[in-house]
Structure formats: C-alpha cells, structure tokens
C-alpha cells in the first residue's frame, strides 16, 4: 500500500474506509454498477461520506506535514 511505503500510519479502520471510497470510483465506471450506485446515493448518504472524506483528508494532511 502506498501509504505504508511513504511512512503514513493508517489505522485498520482508515484502510477499510479507503477501500469503501475507492469502490465508489469503480462503481461509476460500469453502467450496471453506476445505476445501482446512483440509487444508493441519497442526499444523506452523500453528505455523510463527504464529511468523512473531508475529515480523513484533514488527518492525512496533518500526518504528511508532521512527517
């Protein structure tokens, strides 16, 4: 994993979170998965993940600055 190669210390829960977010990118590439993913993406779902992604990005930026 790239994070380990550059010395970032990610918790198992953060690695799992990245797997989930990565699956979003994959889901929108394929028509069948894209339709299913769009149905799942309610406003509440999108807000929840947007907040989680922003918080993760802040923690990641802090780790990079401190490295």
N, C-alpha and C. Protein backbone atom coordinates (compact mmCIF):
# COMPACT_ATOMS: atom_id res chain seq x y z
N UNK A 1 0.84 -1.18 0.00
CA UNK A 1 0.00 0.00 0.00
C UNK A 1 0.89 1.24 0.00
N UNK A 2 0.52 2.19 -0.81
CA UNK A 2 1.30 3.41 -0.96
C UNK A 2 1.48 4.14 0.37
N UNK A 3 0.45 4.18 1.20
CA UNK A 3 0.55 4.88 2.49
C UNK A 3 1.70 4.34 3.33
N UNK A 4 1.86 3.04 3.37
CA UNK A 4 2.94 2.44 4.16
C UNK A 4 4.30 2.72 3.53
N UNK A 5 4.33 2.73 2.20
CA UNK A 5 5.59 2.99 1.51
C UNK A 5 6.13 4.38 1.80
N UNK A 6 5.24 5.34 2.02
CA UNK A 6 5.70 6.71 2.30
C UNK A 6 5.69 7.04 3.79
N UNK A 7 5.43 6.03 4.63
CA UNK A 7 5.55 6.20 6.07
C UNK A 7 4.33 6.73 6.79
N UNK A 8 3.16 6.67 6.17
CA UNK A 8 1.94 7.10 6.86
C UNK A 8 1.44 5.97 7.75
N UNK A 9 0.99 6.33 8.91
CA UNK A 9 0.48 5.36 9.87
C UNK A 9 -1.04 5.39 9.84
N UNK A 10 -1.64 4.47 9.09
CA UNK A 10 -3.09 4.42 8.98
C UNK A 10 -3.64 3.29 9.84
N UNK A 11 -4.72 3.60 10.55
CA UNK A 11 -5.41 2.58 11.34
C UNK A 11 -6.14 1.64 10.38
N UNK A 12 -6.45 0.46 10.86
CA UNK A 12 -7.18 -0.51 10.04
C UNK A 12 -8.51 0.08 9.58
N UNK A 13 -9.18 0.84 10.44
CA UNK A 13 -10.46 1.45 10.07
C UNK A 13 -10.28 2.47 8.94
N UNK A 14 -9.14 3.16 8.90
CA UNK A 14 -8.88 4.12 7.82
C UNK A 14 -8.61 3.39 6.51
N UNK A 15 -7.93 2.28 6.58
CA UNK A 15 -7.69 1.47 5.37
C UNK A 15 -9.01 0.94 4.83
N UNK A 16 -9.87 0.48 5.71
CA UNK A 16 -11.19 -0.01 5.30
C UNK A 16 -12.01 1.13 4.68
N UNK A 17 -11.92 2.32 5.27
CA UNK A 17 -12.62 3.49 4.73
C UNK A 17 -12.13 3.79 3.31
N UNK A 18 -10.83 3.75 3.10
CA UNK A 18 -10.29 3.99 1.76
C UNK A 18 -10.78 2.95 0.76
N UNK A 19 -10.91 1.71 1.20
CA UNK A 19 -11.45 0.66 0.33
C UNK A 19 -12.88 0.99 -0.10
N UNK A 20 -13.68 1.49 0.84
CA UNK A 20 -15.07 1.86 0.54
C UNK A 20 -15.10 3.00 -0.47
N UNK A 21 -14.33 4.04 -0.20
CA UNK A 21 -14.33 5.21 -1.09
C UNK A 21 -13.81 4.83 -2.48
N UNK A 22 -12.81 3.97 -2.53
CA UNK A 22 -12.29 3.50 -3.82
C UNK A 22 -13.36 2.74 -4.59
N UNK A 23 -14.19 2.01 -3.87
CA UNK A 23 -15.26 1.27 -4.55
C UNK A 23 -16.25 2.22 -5.22
N UNK A 24 -16.40 3.44 -4.71
CA UNK A 24 -17.27 4.42 -5.35
C UNK A 24 -16.74 4.74 -6.75
N UNK A 25 -15.43 4.93 -6.86
CA UNK A 25 -14.82 5.24 -8.16
C UNK A 25 -15.03 4.11 -9.15
N UNK A 26 -14.89 2.90 -8.67
CA UNK A 26 -15.05 1.73 -9.53
C UNK A 26 -16.51 1.59 -9.94
N UNK A 27 -17.43 1.83 -9.00
CA UNK A 27 -18.85 1.66 -9.26
C UNK A 27 -19.34 2.55 -10.40
N UNK A 28 -18.83 3.76 -10.48
CA UNK A 28 -19.34 4.67 -11.51
C UNK A 28 -18.72 4.43 -12.89
N UNK A 29 -17.79 3.50 -12.99
CA UNK A 29 -17.18 3.20 -14.28
C UNK A 29 -18.01 2.24 -15.12
N UNK A 30 -18.82 1.43 -14.48
CA UNK A 30 -19.54 0.38 -15.17
C UNK A 30 -21.04 0.65 -15.12
N UNK A 31 -21.72 0.61 -16.27
CA UNK A 31 -23.13 1.02 -16.34
C UNK A 31 -24.05 0.36 -15.31
N UNK A 32 -23.99 -0.95 -15.14
CA UNK A 32 -24.88 -1.61 -14.18
C UNK A 32 -24.58 -1.16 -12.76
N UNK A 33 -23.31 -1.13 -12.42
CA UNK A 33 -22.92 -0.71 -11.07
C UNK A 33 -23.23 0.77 -10.87
N UNK A 34 -23.08 1.56 -11.92
CA UNK A 34 -23.33 3.00 -11.83
C UNK A 34 -24.80 3.26 -11.48
N UNK A 35 -25.71 2.57 -12.14
CA UNK A 35 -27.13 2.73 -11.86
C UNK A 35 -27.44 2.37 -10.41
N UNK A 36 -26.91 1.26 -9.96
CA UNK A 36 -27.13 0.82 -8.59
C UNK A 36 -26.54 1.81 -7.59
N UNK A 37 -25.35 2.32 -7.88
CA UNK A 37 -24.70 3.28 -7.00
C UNK A 37 -25.49 4.58 -6.94
N UNK A 38 -26.00 5.05 -8.06
CA UNK A 38 -26.79 6.29 -8.08
C UNK A 38 -28.04 6.14 -7.22
N UNK A 39 -28.65 4.98 -7.22
CA UNK A 39 -29.83 4.75 -6.38
C UNK A 39 -29.47 4.80 -4.90
N UNK A 40 -28.27 4.38 -4.56
CA UNK A 40 -27.81 4.36 -3.17
C UNK A 40 -27.46 5.76 -2.68
N UNK A 41 -27.11 6.64 -3.59
CA UNK A 41 -26.58 7.96 -3.23
C UNK A 41 -27.67 8.97 -2.93
N UNK A 42 -28.28 8.81 -1.80
CA UNK A 42 -29.24 9.81 -1.35
C UNK A 42 -28.47 11.04 -0.87
N UNK A 43 -29.18 12.11 -0.62
CA UNK A 43 -28.51 13.30 -0.10
C UNK A 43 -27.83 13.00 1.23
N UNK A 44 -28.49 12.25 2.10
CA UNK A 44 -27.91 11.91 3.40
C UNK A 44 -26.64 11.08 3.23
N UNK A 45 -26.68 10.11 2.33
CA UNK A 45 -25.51 9.27 2.05
C UNK A 45 -24.35 10.13 1.57
N UNK A 46 -24.63 11.01 0.61
CA UNK A 46 -23.58 11.87 0.06
C UNK A 46 -23.01 12.80 1.12
N UNK A 47 -23.86 13.41 1.92
CA UNK A 47 -23.38 14.31 2.99
C UNK A 47 -22.50 13.56 3.98
N UNK A 48 -22.95 12.37 4.39
CA UNK A 48 -22.20 11.57 5.35
C UNK A 48 -20.78 11.28 4.83
N UNK A 49 -20.71 10.80 3.60
CA UNK A 49 -19.39 10.46 3.06
C UNK A 49 -18.56 11.69 2.74
N UNK A 50 -19.18 12.77 2.34
CA UNK A 50 -18.43 14.00 2.10
C UNK A 50 -17.78 14.48 3.39
N UNK A 51 -18.51 14.43 4.49
CA UNK A 51 -17.95 14.82 5.79
C UNK A 51 -16.82 13.88 6.21
N UNK A 52 -17.03 12.59 6.03
CA UNK A 52 -15.99 11.61 6.40
C UNK A 52 -14.74 11.80 5.55
N UNK A 53 -14.92 12.05 4.26
CA UNK A 53 -13.78 12.23 3.36
C UNK A 53 -13.02 13.50 3.73
N UNK A 54 -13.74 14.58 4.03
CA UNK A 54 -13.09 15.83 4.42
C UNK A 54 -12.29 15.66 5.71
N UNK A 55 -12.87 14.96 6.69
CA UNK A 55 -12.17 14.72 7.95
C UNK A 55 -10.93 13.86 7.73
N UNK A 56 -11.06 12.83 6.91
CA UNK A 56 -9.92 11.97 6.61
C UNK A 56 -8.83 12.77 5.91
N UNK A 57 -9.20 13.59 4.95
CA UNK A 57 -8.22 14.41 4.22
C UNK A 57 -7.47 15.33 5.18
N UNK A 58 -8.18 15.91 6.14
CA UNK A 58 -7.52 16.78 7.12
C UNK A 58 -6.51 16.02 7.96
N UNK A 59 -6.90 14.82 8.43
CA UNK A 59 -5.98 14.00 9.21
C UNK A 59 -4.76 13.60 8.38
N UNK A 60 -5.01 13.27 7.13
CA UNK A 60 -3.93 12.86 6.24
C UNK A 60 -2.97 14.02 5.98
N UNK A 61 -3.50 15.20 5.74
CA UNK A 61 -2.65 16.38 5.53
C UNK A 61 -1.80 16.65 6.76
N UNK A 62 -2.39 16.49 7.94
CA UNK A 62 -1.66 16.70 9.19
C UNK A 62 -0.51 15.70 9.31
N UNK A 63 -0.79 14.43 9.01
CA UNK A 63 0.27 13.41 9.08
C UNK A 63 1.39 13.72 8.10
N UNK A 64 1.03 14.17 6.91
CA UNK A 64 2.05 14.48 5.90
C UNK A 64 2.90 15.66 6.36
N UNK A 65 2.27 16.68 6.91
CA UNK A 65 3.02 17.84 7.41
C UNK A 65 3.97 17.45 8.52
N UNK A 66 3.53 16.55 9.40
CA UNK A 66 4.32 16.15 10.56
C UNK A 66 5.41 15.13 10.22
N UNK A 67 5.34 14.57 9.03
CA UNK A 67 6.31 13.52 8.64
C UNK A 67 7.66 14.11 8.31
